[in-house]
């Protein structure tokens, strides 16, 4: 029998590893294979908004990107997409799916498998054994921090980050066209994925650059190097400018910036690195109750929010300590591994930036930092360094076991222990209607040519607005409602002016904004009564200012009319 070629063996090995990560993801995200076409997880807050953004960007891609940044929410604010992540790269994949919910869940599921594979590949290229690299990919992709970020798909889609950093370092070490092309490919894929990771990756890239300059000296700035590195830098800079210039313009025009209070609230502390994720199986309600009963109010120290619960897990932390100490002791045996040293430096810098005491002063002088409130998300790059050294720890321990049978048994125990520790609690999968199942009113709006812009009432300043933006993906008409990390002035004025229905001043404000129609959701008897009173005043008689044009169940649509020649404003909202 002819033995398999080494290349064939490597391909089979990667197929097997991909299969392993797929099985783990299916178990952890169960039952995604059954509900992925009409349910979303873990809530209808940020995931539903991200689905809206993905649908908008996919819609724009199909049209040829004629008006990407002017999303239809927060009308009449211009450039509304720049108030949140654009998700342009993932949206290109979503555009291939006729069912957007299934497309979202495909991105959600593959973000775990692909991220694990990317980290495993980089660790393998960096010299880790197959087993250590597999565990490193597992520890990274299914880390407690990532499990706590399941509502933020823009942070989960991190598979391009390790590849970008690896080929950036390869390009600095070996200035070849191949490395330049691979770096630009993965850099483009990464920076079009989401704003936080697109911006933050430049910190580890800067660390790797400084590390290579220290290693290579003047050679890296020689003419032979610069004639390749400069064009690569110009191309990468042009891509970055195209993506972030709209954010700069909108931020400047609307006066958007983050406050020190927000930075402190969403930043890390030393306790954060010992705080498990709420999604961890071993840190469920029962454990929390035991801690509260035993430690009282002090137990809240470990009950961190999703954004700053950053404990890597008991086993990953232990393996990291073993690996870091073993590599530190080996420094006298020969020259250091340049990639590993750069990765350690980038991990340290990102670790420091997770703390508000470091981040807040820098955000006043470093362009772009003031637009991000969650400094703890730099942990994405801290974790990459952590799992690399954890993999080193695995190799160190495995090398100390002489007997093959004992080594295999130890490997099995490690894998099973890791699988148990990183297992999340069962996900909550929430039903979500597909486009064909949207309420009839949105199909009517899509067909109605007289609608220039609309508002849905009651209007809120929270995630309840997501239902309006999601349903607007059927018609894409300009919508005064919206949801994001920022609330523009137009939305603030509307929510301040009206509670459920507009009074005279509210109607004037709607006309000032160019809104032609109102969609009123009058659920329940109290709102039905308020709507009847409002209709009697503003929608009947010769001086009416609104005309009922559609009604289905508890949803009514009114077209705004020109006001009467004289009117005494009533300052009380409805």
Foldseek 3Di string as FASTA:
>chain_A
DDDDDPVVVVVVLLVVLLVVQLVLLCVQAPPCVVCQQFWDDDDCFLLLQVLLLLLLLLVCVVVVNPQQQQFQEQPPDGSNNLLFWNQNLLSVQCNVDPRSSNSSVVLLSVLLSLQLSLQLVLLVVLPFDNLLSNVLSNLQSLFQLVVLVSSPSLLSNCNLLSQLLSLLLVCLVPVDPVSLVSNLVSLLSNLSRTPPRNVLSVLLSVLSNVLSCVVVPCVCVDPVNCVRVVVSVVVSVVSVCVRCVSSVVSCVVQVDFDDLVLQQLQFEDPLLQVAGHQFWPVNDPVVLVVLCVVPNPVSVSNVHHSRRNNHSFDLLVVLLVQLVVVLVVCVVVDPHSSSLVSLVRSLVVLVVQSHSVVQVVVPVPDPPSRSDRNSSSSVSSNSSSSSSSSSSSLVVVLVVDDDPVVSVVVSVVSVVVSSNRSRTDHHHIGGHDTLVPPPVVLVVVLVDPVWQEEEEFPADQRSVLSVVSSSCSSRSHRYSHDYHPDDGPSSVVQVVQARGAHFPVNLVSCVVSVGFKYKHQQPDDVSVVVVVVVCVPAVDDPQHQWHWDDDDDRITMITGHDGDPDDDTDRDHD
